[in-house]
């Protein structure tokens, strides 16, 4: 059965605000110090675009 037949479609692209909020949360989790804004952004973008393991 195809993905469309199971009701599983492509993951919608995250919005700029969704990525920004998640990246900001990573910075806050580090105590608002250190790290890399770019690395946080890329991590958030990657996590928001991956299918949950239960759907793979």
C-alpha atoms as a PDB file:
ATOM      1  CA  UNK A   1       0.000   0.000   0.000  1.00  0.00           C
ATOM      2  CA  UNK A   2       1.327   3.462  -0.823  1.00  0.00           C
ATOM      3  CA  UNK A   3       1.973   6.141   1.793  1.00  0.00           C
ATOM      4  CA  UNK A   4      -0.971   8.097   0.430  1.00  0.00           C
ATOM      5  CA  UNK A   5      -3.178   5.027   0.888  1.00  0.00           C
ATOM      6  CA  UNK A   6      -2.196   4.829   4.556  1.00  0.00           C
ATOM      7  CA  UNK A   7      -2.906   8.498   5.142  1.00  0.00           C
ATOM      8  CA  UNK A   8       0.790   9.323   5.524  1.00  0.00           C
ATOM      9  CA  UNK A   9       1.925  12.198   3.380  1.00  0.00           C
ATOM     10  CA  UNK A  10       4.970  14.391   3.288  1.00  0.00           C
ATOM     11  CA  UNK A  11       5.864  16.243   6.464  1.00  0.00           C
ATOM     12  CA  UNK A  12       4.896  19.901   6.015  1.00  0.00           C
ATOM     13  CA  UNK A  13       7.827  22.289   5.999  1.00  0.00           C
ATOM     14  CA  UNK A  14       8.244  23.998   9.364  1.00  0.00           C
ATOM     15  CA  UNK A  15       7.700  27.723   9.476  1.00  0.00           C
ATOM     16  CA  UNK A  16      10.445  30.199  10.309  1.00  0.00           C
ATOM     17  CA  UNK A  17       8.763  30.874  13.661  1.00  0.00           C
ATOM     18  CA  UNK A  18       8.543  27.164  14.545  1.00  0.00           C
ATOM     19  CA  UNK A  19      12.253  26.695  13.860  1.00  0.00           C
ATOM     20  CA  UNK A  20      13.132  29.875  15.755  1.00  0.00           C
ATOM     21  CA  UNK A  21      11.105  28.849  18.816  1.00  0.00           C
ATOM     22  CA  UNK A  22      12.706  25.408  18.973  1.00  0.00           C
ATOM     23  CA  UNK A  23      16.228  26.775  18.415  1.00  0.00           C
ATOM     24  CA  UNK A  24      15.622  29.339  21.162  1.00  0.00           C
ATOM     25  CA  UNK A  25      14.506  26.577  23.506  1.00  0.00           C
ATOM     26  CA  UNK A  26      17.847  24.812  22.966  1.00  0.00           C
ATOM     27  CA  UNK A  27      19.686  27.990  23.973  1.00  0.00           C
ATOM     28  CA  UNK A  28      17.485  28.391  27.046  1.00  0.00           C
ATOM     29  CA  UNK A  29      18.076  24.745  28.001  1.00  0.00           C
ATOM     30  CA  UNK A  30      21.821  25.492  28.045  1.00  0.00           C
ATOM     31  CA  UNK A  31      21.233  28.204  30.605  1.00  0.00           C
ATOM     32  CA  UNK A  32      21.228  30.973  27.972  1.00  0.00           C
ATOM     33  CA  UNK A  33      24.951  30.741  27.446  1.00  0.00           C
ATOM     34  CA  UNK A  34      27.353  29.336  24.905  1.00  0.00           C
ATOM     35  CA  UNK A  35      26.557  27.197  21.933  1.00  0.00           C
ATOM     36  CA  UNK A  36      26.015  28.243  18.368  1.00  0.00           C
ATOM     37  CA  UNK A  37      22.891  29.916  17.062  1.00  0.00           C
ATOM     38  CA  UNK A  38      23.497  28.331  13.655  1.00  0.00           C
ATOM     39  CA  UNK A  39      23.895  24.843  15.126  1.00  0.00           C
ATOM     40  CA  UNK A  40      20.717  25.333  17.174  1.00  0.00           C
ATOM     41  CA  UNK A  41      18.847  26.501  14.064  1.00  0.00           C
ATOM     42  CA  UNK A  42      20.025  23.566  11.954  1.00  0.00           C
ATOM     43  CA  UNK A  43      19.203  21.079  14.718  1.00  0.00           C
ATOM     44  CA  UNK A  44      15.693  22.522  15.098  1.00  0.00           C
ATOM     45  CA  UNK A  45      15.133  22.499  11.343  1.00  0.00           C
ATOM     46  CA  UNK A  46      16.333  18.889  11.079  1.00  0.00           C
ATOM     47  CA  UNK A  47      14.165  17.712  13.975  1.00  0.00           C
ATOM     48  CA  UNK A  48      11.053  19.448  12.675  1.00  0.00           C
ATOM     49  CA  UNK A  49      11.388  17.939   9.195  1.00  0.00           C
ATOM     50  CA  UNK A  50      11.988  14.322  10.194  1.00  0.00           C
ATOM     51  CA  UNK A  51       9.135  11.850  10.404  1.00  0.00           C
ATOM     52  CA  UNK A  52       8.518  10.468  13.876  1.00  0.00           C
ATOM     53  CA  UNK A  53      10.048   6.963  14.194  1.00  0.00           C
ATOM     54  CA  UNK A  54       6.570   5.435  14.505  1.00  0.00           C
ATOM     55  CA  UNK A  55       5.746   6.593  10.952  1.00  0.00           C
ATOM     56  CA  UNK A  56       8.932   5.431   9.206  1.00  0.00           C
END
